[in-house]
C-alpha atoms as a PDB file:
ATOM      1  CA  MET A   1      13.397  28.330 -14.436  1.00  0.00           C
ATOM      2  CA  ILE A   2      10.409  29.695 -16.342  1.00  0.00           C
ATOM      3  CA  GLN A   3       9.608  33.414 -16.535  1.00  0.00           C
ATOM      4  CA  GLY A   4       6.468  34.989 -17.928  1.00  0.00           C
ATOM      5  CA  LEU A   5       7.086  38.057 -20.090  1.00  0.00           C
ATOM      6  CA  ASP A   6       4.611  40.607 -21.475  1.00  0.00           C
ATOM      7  CA  ASP A   7       1.380  38.726 -20.853  1.00  0.00           C
ATOM      8  CA  GLU A   8       0.036  35.947 -18.663  1.00  0.00           C
ATOM      9  CA  ASN A   9       0.938  32.386 -19.524  1.00  0.00           C
ATOM     10  CA  GLU A  10      -0.024  28.911 -18.415  1.00  0.00           C
ATOM     11  CA  TYR A  11       1.834  25.631 -18.557  1.00  0.00           C
ATOM     12  CA  LEU A  12       1.071  22.056 -17.621  1.00  0.00           C
ATOM     13  CA  LEU A  13       3.696  20.363 -15.452  1.00  0.00           C
ATOM     14  CA  VAL A  14       3.835  16.605 -16.058  1.00  0.00           C
ATOM     15  CA  PHE A  15       5.999  13.905 -14.472  1.00  0.00           C
ATOM     16  CA  ASP A  16       6.385  10.276 -15.485  1.00  0.00           C
ATOM     17  CA  ASP A  17       6.283   9.195 -11.821  1.00  0.00           C
ATOM     18  CA  GLY A  18       2.943   9.318 -10.020  1.00  0.00           C
ATOM     19  CA  ASN A  19       4.724   9.521  -6.658  1.00  0.00           C
ATOM     20  CA  PHE A  20       6.632  12.686  -7.552  1.00  0.00           C
ATOM     21  CA  GLU A  21       6.549  15.514  -5.017  1.00  0.00           C
ATOM     22  CA  ALA A  22       8.605  18.615  -4.321  1.00  0.00           C
ATOM     23  CA  SER A  23      10.145  17.082  -1.201  1.00  0.00           C
ATOM     24  CA  GLY A  24      13.550  15.702  -2.079  1.00  0.00           C
ATOM     25  CA  THR A  25      14.006  17.889  -5.160  1.00  0.00           C
ATOM     26  CA  THR A  26      16.679  20.445  -4.352  1.00  0.00           C
ATOM     27  CA  PHE A  27      16.396  22.130  -7.740  1.00  0.00           C
ATOM     28  CA  ILE A  28      12.836  23.291  -7.080  1.00  0.00           C
ATOM     29  CA  ASN A  29      13.508  24.445  -3.485  1.00  0.00           C
ATOM     30  CA  VAL A  30      16.849  26.261  -3.698  1.00  0.00           C
ATOM     31  CA  ASP A  31      15.702  29.263  -1.626  1.00  0.00           C
ATOM     32  CA  ASP A  32      14.193  26.936   0.983  1.00  0.00           C
ATOM     33  CA  TRP A  33      17.485  25.018   1.110  1.00  0.00           C
ATOM     34  CA  ILE A  34      19.453  28.247   1.570  1.00  0.00           C
ATOM     35  CA  ALA A  35      17.042  29.395   4.300  1.00  0.00           C
ATOM     36  CA  HIS A  36      17.713  26.149   6.191  1.00  0.00           C
ATOM     37  CA  THR A  37      21.506  26.355   5.966  1.00  0.00           C
ATOM     38  CA  PRO A  38      23.495  28.286   8.621  1.00  0.00           C
ATOM     39  CA  LYS A  39      24.526  31.666   7.220  1.00  0.00           C
ATOM     40  CA  GLU A  40      28.153  31.183   8.226  1.00  0.00           C
ATOM     41  CA  ILE A  41      28.214  27.996   6.136  1.00  0.00           C
ATOM     42  CA  LEU A  42      26.653  29.833   3.197  1.00  0.00           C
ATOM     43  CA  ALA A  43      29.193  32.644   3.523  1.00  0.00           C
ATOM     44  CA  LYS A  44      32.147  30.246   3.599  1.00  0.00           C
ATOM     45  CA  ASN A  45      30.738  28.138   0.773  1.00  0.00           C
ATOM     46  CA  CYS A  46      30.003  31.058  -1.580  1.00  0.00           C
ATOM     47  CA  GLY A  47      32.832  33.384  -0.578  1.00  0.00           C
ATOM     48  CA  VAL A  48      30.533  36.271   0.356  1.00  0.00           C
ATOM     49  CA  ASN A  49      29.370  38.116   3.465  1.00  0.00           C
ATOM     50  CA  ALA A  50      26.754  36.183   5.449  1.00  0.00           C
ATOM     51  CA  SER A  51      24.430  39.207   5.492  1.00  0.00           C
ATOM     52  CA  MET A  52      23.843  38.742   1.753  1.00  0.00           C
ATOM     53  CA  PHE A  53      21.445  35.912   2.589  1.00  0.00           C
ATOM     54  CA  ASN A  54      19.362  37.796   5.172  1.00  0.00           C
ATOM     55  CA  PRO A  55      16.548  38.648   2.697  1.00  0.00           C
ATOM     56  CA  VAL A  56      16.064  35.059   1.496  1.00  0.00           C
ATOM     57  CA  PRO A  57      12.358  34.253   2.058  1.00  0.00           C
ATOM     58  CA  SER A  58      11.183  31.378   4.218  1.00  0.00           C
ATOM     59  CA  PRO A  59       8.912  29.618   3.476  1.00  0.00           C
ATOM     60  CA  ASN A  60       9.855  29.883  -0.163  1.00  0.00           C
ATOM     61  CA  PRO A  61       7.390  31.367  -2.688  1.00  0.00           C
ATOM     62  CA  TYR A  62       6.616  28.941  -5.505  1.00  0.00           C
ATOM     63  CA  ILE A  63       5.926  31.837  -7.893  1.00  0.00           C
ATOM     64  CA  ALA A  64       7.563  35.237  -7.391  1.00  0.00           C
ATOM     65  CA  ALA A  65       7.753  38.538  -9.261  1.00  0.00           C
ATOM     66  CA  ALA A  66      11.151  39.186 -10.822  1.00  0.00           C
ATOM     67  CA  ALA A  67      12.885  41.525 -13.236  1.00  0.00           C
ATOM     68  CA  ASN A  68      13.141  40.437 -16.864  1.00  0.00           C
ATOM     69  CA  PHE A  69      16.394  38.499 -17.173  1.00  0.00           C
ATOM     70  CA  SER A  70      16.138  37.679 -20.901  1.00  0.00           C
ATOM     71  CA  SER A  71      18.957  40.117 -21.752  1.00  0.00           C
ATOM     72  CA  GLU A  72      21.233  38.876 -18.972  1.00  0.00           C
ATOM     73  CA  GLY A  73      24.385  37.417 -20.512  1.00  0.00           C
ATOM     74  CA  ILE A  74      25.987  34.627 -18.480  1.00  0.00           C
ATOM     75  CA  ASP A  75      29.311  33.285 -19.707  1.00  0.00           C
ATOM     76  CA  TYR A  76      29.909  29.606 -19.038  1.00  0.00           C
ATOM     77  CA  PRO A  77      33.535  29.258 -17.837  1.00  0.00           C
ATOM     78  CA  TYR A  78      34.157  26.096 -19.873  1.00  0.00           C
ATOM     79  CA  GLY A  79      32.759  27.269 -23.200  1.00  0.00           C
ATOM     80  CA  ASP A  80      29.419  26.747 -24.903  1.00  0.00           C
ATOM     81  CA  LEU A  81      27.387  23.601 -24.360  1.00  0.00           C
ATOM     82  CA  SER A  82      27.477  21.122 -27.199  1.00  0.00           C
ATOM     83  CA  ALA A  83      24.281  20.432 -29.133  1.00  0.00           C
ATOM     84  CA  ASN A  84      23.535  17.201 -27.277  1.00  0.00           C
ATOM     85  CA  LYS A  85      23.705  18.885 -23.863  1.00  0.00           C
ATOM     86  CA  SER A  86      20.588  20.999 -24.247  1.00  0.00           C
ATOM     87  CA  SER A  87      17.258  20.693 -26.035  1.00  0.00           C
ATOM     88  CA  SER A  88      14.701  23.184 -27.238  1.00  0.00           C
ATOM     89  CA  LEU A  89      11.857  22.748 -29.665  1.00  0.00           C
ATOM     90  CA  TYR A  90       9.229  24.689 -31.502  1.00  0.00           C
ATOM     91  CA  ASP A  91       7.203  22.484 -33.787  1.00  0.00           C
ATOM     92  CA  PRO A  92       4.497  24.020 -36.006  1.00  0.00           C
ATOM     93  CA  PHE A  93       1.013  22.573 -35.881  1.00  0.00           C
ATOM     94  CA  GLN A  94       0.345  19.913 -38.503  1.00  0.00           C
ATOM     95  CA  ARG A  95      -3.045  19.868 -40.205  1.00  0.00           C
ATOM     96  CA  SER A  96      -4.779  16.515 -39.981  1.00  0.00           C
ATOM     97  CA  PRO A  97      -5.574  14.639 -43.218  1.00  0.00           C
ATOM     98  CA  GLY A  98      -9.255  14.639 -42.235  1.00  0.00           C
ATOM     99  CA  GLY A  99      -9.372  18.444 -42.218  1.00  0.00           C
ATOM    100  CA  GLY A 100     -10.914  18.732 -38.763  1.00  0.00           C
ATOM    101  CA  GLY A 101      -8.075  20.359 -36.867  1.00  0.00           C
ATOM    102  CA  THR A 102      -4.381  20.343 -36.062  1.00  0.00           C
ATOM    103  CA  ILE A 103      -1.962  18.350 -33.942  1.00  0.00           C
ATOM    104  CA  GLN A 104       1.453  19.247 -32.541  1.00  0.00           C
ATOM    105  CA  ILE A 105       3.595  16.299 -31.402  1.00  0.00           C
ATOM    106  CA  PHE A 106       6.622  16.315 -29.094  1.00  0.00           C
ATOM    107  CA  ASP A 107       8.340  12.942 -28.745  1.00  0.00           C
ATOM    108  CA  SER A 108      11.811  11.404 -28.817  1.00  0.00           C
ATOM    109  CA  ARG A 109      12.021  11.882 -32.590  1.00  0.00           C
ATOM    110  CA  SER A 110      11.537  15.652 -32.549  1.00  0.00           C
ATOM    111  CA  PHE A 111      12.652  16.307 -28.949  1.00  0.00           C
ATOM    112  CA  PRO A 112      15.448  13.802 -28.159  1.00  0.00           C
ATOM    113  CA  ILE A 113      15.604  14.604 -24.444  1.00  0.00           C
ATOM    114  CA  SER A 114      12.028  13.321 -24.031  1.00  0.00           C
ATOM    115  CA  THR A 115      12.751   9.615 -23.597  1.00  0.00           C
ATOM    116  CA  THR A 116       9.941   8.760 -21.165  1.00  0.00           C
ATOM    117  CA  ILE A 117       7.105  11.143 -22.113  1.00  0.00           C
ATOM    118  CA  GLU A 118       5.408  12.024 -25.395  1.00  0.00           C
ATOM    119  CA  ALA A 119       3.062  14.996 -25.526  1.00  0.00           C
ATOM    120  CA  SER A 120       0.683  16.339 -28.145  1.00  0.00           C
ATOM    121  CA  VAL A 121      -1.429  19.483 -28.397  1.00  0.00           C
ATOM    122  CA  VAL A 122      -4.641  18.732 -30.291  1.00  0.00           C
ATOM    123  CA  THR A 123      -7.033  21.351 -31.672  1.00  0.00           C
ATOM    124  CA  ILE A 124     -10.395  20.290 -33.113  1.00  0.00           C
ATOM    125  CA  LYS A 125     -12.715  22.621 -34.996  1.00  0.00           C
ATOM    126  CA  PRO A 126     -16.393  22.891 -33.974  1.00  0.00           C
ATOM    127  CA  GLY A 127     -18.116  19.600 -34.751  1.00  0.00           C
ATOM    128  CA  GLY A 128     -14.805  17.905 -35.548  1.00  0.00           C
ATOM    129  CA  LEU A 129     -14.042  14.328 -34.512  1.00  0.00           C
ATOM    130  CA  ARG A 130     -10.841  12.671 -33.324  1.00  0.00           C
ATOM    131  CA  GLU A 131     -11.391   9.438 -35.196  1.00  0.00           C
ATOM    132  CA  LEU A 132     -12.053   6.090 -33.488  1.00  0.00           C
ATOM    133  CA  HIS A 133      -8.692   4.656 -32.455  1.00  0.00           C
ATOM    134  CA  TRP A 134      -6.738   3.004 -29.666  1.00  0.00           C
ATOM    135  CA  HIS A 135      -3.223   3.193 -28.263  1.00  0.00           C
ATOM    136  CA  PRO A 136      -1.377  -0.151 -28.090  1.00  0.00           C
ATOM    137  CA  THR A 137       1.672   0.856 -26.035  1.00  0.00           C
ATOM    138  CA  ALA A 138       0.614   3.358 -23.350  1.00  0.00           C
ATOM    139  CA  GLU A 139      -2.452   4.862 -21.718  1.00  0.00           C
ATOM    140  CA  GLU A 140      -3.422   8.392 -22.721  1.00  0.00           C
ATOM    141  CA  TRP A 141      -3.582  11.154 -20.100  1.00  0.00           C
ATOM    142  CA  VAL A 142      -5.633  14.153 -21.218  1.00  0.00           C
ATOM    143  CA  PHE A 143      -6.046  17.723 -19.973  1.00  0.00           C
ATOM    144  CA  PHE A 144      -8.823  19.696 -21.679  1.00  0.00           C
ATOM    145  CA  ALA A 145      -7.621  23.293 -21.984  1.00  0.00           C
ATOM    146  CA  GLN A 146     -10.509  24.807 -23.953  1.00  0.00           C
ATOM    147  CA  GLY A 147     -13.955  23.940 -25.238  1.00  0.00           C
ATOM    148  CA  GLN A 148     -16.432  21.103 -24.782  1.00  0.00           C
ATOM    149  CA  ALA A 149     -16.042  17.445 -25.677  1.00  0.00           C
ATOM    150  CA  ARG A 150     -17.701  14.062 -25.560  1.00  0.00           C
ATOM    151  CA  ALA A 151     -15.917  10.719 -25.623  1.00  0.00           C
ATOM    152  CA  THR A 152     -17.012   7.103 -25.530  1.00  0.00           C
ATOM    153  CA  VAL A 153     -14.474   4.579 -24.256  1.00  0.00           C
ATOM    154  CA  PHE A 154     -14.861   0.900 -25.183  1.00  0.00           C
ATOM    155  CA  ALA A 155     -13.190  -1.674 -22.922  1.00  0.00           C
ATOM    156  CA  GLY A 156     -14.401  -4.838 -24.660  1.00  0.00           C
ATOM    157  CA  ASN A 157     -16.970  -7.490 -23.686  1.00  0.00           C
ATOM    158  CA  THR A 158     -19.880  -5.017 -24.061  1.00  0.00           C
ATOM    159  CA  ASN A 159     -18.266  -2.587 -21.583  1.00  0.00           C
ATOM    160  CA  ALA A 160     -18.365   1.061 -22.680  1.00  0.00           C
ATOM    161  CA  ARG A 161     -19.018   4.451 -21.130  1.00  0.00           C
ATOM    162  CA  THR A 162     -19.606   7.964 -22.484  1.00  0.00           C
ATOM    163  CA  PHE A 163     -18.249  11.094 -20.795  1.00  0.00           C
ATOM    164  CA  ASP A 164     -18.741  14.840 -21.321  1.00  0.00           C
ATOM    165  CA  PHE A 165     -15.807  17.192 -20.714  1.00  0.00           C
ATOM    166  CA  ALA A 166     -15.236  20.935 -20.323  1.00  0.00           C
ATOM    167  CA  ALA A 167     -12.157  23.130 -20.006  1.00  0.00           C
ATOM    168  CA  GLY A 168     -10.124  22.168 -16.937  1.00  0.00           C
ATOM    169  CA  ASP A 169     -11.243  18.526 -16.931  1.00  0.00           C
ATOM    170  CA  THR A 170      -8.859  15.586 -17.094  1.00  0.00           C
ATOM    171  CA  ALA A 171      -9.257  12.068 -18.449  1.00  0.00           C
ATOM    172  CA  VAL A 172      -7.371   8.807 -18.808  1.00  0.00           C
ATOM    173  CA  PHE A 173      -7.926   6.475 -21.753  1.00  0.00           C
ATOM    174  CA  PRO A 174      -6.295   3.119 -20.870  1.00  0.00           C
ATOM    175  CA  ASP A 175      -4.086   1.485 -23.461  1.00  0.00           C
ATOM    176  CA  ASN A 176      -5.963  -0.753 -25.912  1.00  0.00           C
ATOM    177  CA  TYR A 177      -9.319   0.863 -25.023  1.00  0.00           C
ATOM    178  CA  GLY A 178     -11.022   2.079 -28.208  1.00  0.00           C
ATOM    179  CA  HIS A 179     -12.283   5.652 -28.041  1.00  0.00           C
ATOM    180  CA  TYR A 180     -13.145   8.828 -29.936  1.00  0.00           C
ATOM    181  CA  VAL A 181     -13.368  12.493 -28.913  1.00  0.00           C
ATOM    182  CA  ILE A 182     -15.793  14.915 -30.575  1.00  0.00           C
ATOM    183  CA  ASN A 183     -16.032  18.686 -30.236  1.00  0.00           C
ATOM    184  CA  THR A 184     -19.618  19.264 -29.106  1.00  0.00           C
ATOM    185  CA  SER A 185     -19.446  23.051 -29.489  1.00  0.00           C
ATOM    186  CA  ASP A 186     -20.784  24.661 -32.656  1.00  0.00           C
ATOM    187  CA  LYS A 187     -18.574  27.758 -32.377  1.00  0.00           C
ATOM    188  CA  GLU A 188     -15.501  27.138 -30.176  1.00  0.00           C
ATOM    189  CA  ASP A 189     -12.365  25.137 -30.916  1.00  0.00           C
ATOM    190  CA  LEU A 190     -11.652  22.192 -28.625  1.00  0.00           C
ATOM    191  CA  ILE A 191      -8.052  22.083 -27.368  1.00  0.00           C
ATOM    192  CA  TRP A 192      -6.467  19.406 -25.229  1.00  0.00           C
ATOM    193  CA  ILE A 193      -3.011  18.218 -24.216  1.00  0.00           C
ATOM    194  CA  GLU A 194      -2.430  14.474 -24.315  1.00  0.00           C
ATOM    195  CA  ILE A 195       0.455  12.704 -22.588  1.00  0.00           C
ATOM    196  CA  PHE A 196       1.846   9.201 -23.005  1.00  0.00           C
ATOM    197  CA  LYS A 197       4.379   7.566 -20.697  1.00  0.00           C
ATOM    198  CA  ALA A 198       6.476   6.439 -23.644  1.00  0.00           C
ATOM    199  CA  ASP A 199       9.208   7.816 -25.862  1.00  0.00           C
ATOM    200  CA  ARG A 200       6.718   7.792 -28.720  1.00  0.00           C
ATOM    201  CA  GLY A 201       2.935   7.560 -28.627  1.00  0.00           C
ATOM    202  CA  MET A 202       1.254   5.200 -31.079  1.00  0.00           C
ATOM    203  CA  ASP A 203      -2.330   4.943 -32.248  1.00  0.00           C
ATOM    204  CA  ILE A 204      -4.243   2.544 -34.472  1.00  0.00           C
ATOM    205  CA  SER A 205      -7.104   3.932 -36.545  1.00  0.00           C
ATOM    206  CA  LEU A 206     -10.233   1.775 -36.588  1.00  0.00           C
ATOM    207  CA  THR A 207     -11.132   2.876 -40.123  1.00  0.00           C
ATOM    208  CA  GLN A 208      -7.638   2.234 -41.459  1.00  0.00           C
ATOM    209  CA  TRP A 209      -7.505  -1.153 -39.740  1.00  0.00           C
ATOM    210  CA  LEU A 210     -10.800  -2.178 -41.334  1.00  0.00           C
ATOM    211  CA  ALA A 211      -9.761  -0.799 -44.734  1.00  0.00           C
ATOM    212  CA  LEU A 212      -6.515  -2.808 -44.696  1.00  0.00           C
ATOM    213  CA  THR A 213      -8.273  -6.032 -43.696  1.00  0.00           C
ATOM    214  CA  PRO A 214      -9.600  -8.167 -46.587  1.00  0.00           C
ATOM    215  CA  ALA A 215     -12.985  -6.686 -47.474  1.00  0.00           C
ATOM    216  CA  PRO A 216     -14.866 -10.028 -47.485  1.00  0.00           C
ATOM    217  CA  VAL A 217     -13.734 -10.678 -43.900  1.00  0.00           C
ATOM    218  CA  VAL A 218     -14.935  -7.277 -42.685  1.00  0.00           C
ATOM    219  CA  SER A 219     -18.153  -7.702 -44.670  1.00  0.00           C
ATOM    220  CA  GLN A 220     -18.914 -11.002 -42.992  1.00  0.00           C
ATOM    221  CA  ILE A 221     -18.120  -9.840 -39.447  1.00  0.00           C
ATOM    222  CA  LEU A 222     -20.000  -6.522 -39.650  1.00  0.00           C
ATOM    223  CA  ASN A 223     -22.758  -7.725 -41.976  1.00  0.00           C
ATOM    224  CA  ILE A 224     -22.198  -4.882 -44.434  1.00  0.00           C
ATOM    225  CA  SER A 225     -21.546  -5.068 -48.161  1.00  0.00           C
ATOM    226  CA  VAL A 226     -18.088  -5.675 -49.581  1.00  0.00           C
ATOM    227  CA  ASP A 227     -18.502  -2.575 -51.753  1.00  0.00           C
ATOM    228  CA  ALA A 228     -19.140  -0.445 -48.649  1.00  0.00           C
ATOM    229  CA  VAL A 229     -16.021  -1.809 -46.955  1.00  0.00           C
ATOM    230  CA  ARG A 230     -13.937  -0.919 -50.000  1.00  0.00           C
ATOM    231  CA  THR A 231     -14.920   2.747 -49.678  1.00  0.00           C
ATOM    232  CA  LEU A 232     -13.157   3.035 -46.302  1.00  0.00           C
ATOM    233  CA  LYS A 233     -10.075   5.265 -46.335  1.00  0.00           C
ATOM    234  CA  LYS A 234      -6.750   3.434 -46.057  1.00  0.00           C
ATOM    235  CA  GLU A 235      -4.932   6.454 -44.626  1.00  0.00           C
ATOM    236  CA  LYS A 236      -5.365   7.732 -41.073  1.00  0.00           C
ATOM    237  CA  GLN A 237      -7.641  10.770 -40.926  1.00  0.00           C
ATOM    238  CA  LEU A 238      -6.761  11.631 -37.289  1.00  0.00           C
ATOM    239  CA  ILE A 239      -9.251  14.522 -37.002  1.00  0.00           C
ATOM    240  CA  ILE A 240     -12.326  14.551 -39.241  1.00  0.00           C
ATOM    241  CA  ALA A 241     -14.214  17.742 -40.115  1.00  0.00           C
END
């Protein structure tokens, strides 16, 4: 159950199964289930008068107005849940080494219940760049929540394509496809949510990879000077100002 409080709020609902639908999920249709159960059965099952269920709506509303229940105290008859029976997380944004924005990561390390999905909230300042990189273990699903962006995706064998994005757009960057994302606005932050179907998302930085490869090898392949190669940063920059 999720309840909005003093102001409006938005959330992105993500499942690790592309065939997921509400049908077959009792937890998300409890009022619909009750509406389709004979009232005498409900009364016997719950130990109440059958008329209590007369107001139950059918079809069920997906979103409904309700009183604030944050102060409602519910005592669990068998005592408090142990720490490993529930999970909650607030993780502060981490500034990227490259100084171009922030990233907030939720994966199995910081949120143990998340064993099949890793999520990140990425904020890039105007003109900032999510450095060239690729993901070796899972494709990246992206929802652009704010701003404007451009990305070029490289598939190998001369295959590449450039896309422009705005708030509300979605994208998929397949695993092992090199790509970047740049904030094309000169005044608005770019914010997106990225999802990986994995307990932990991984990325490989192109710059770091080149910097940690013997400089003469990189020099020969790219036809640039060894001295230039040795200026490449050996630490991931993630988001570059």
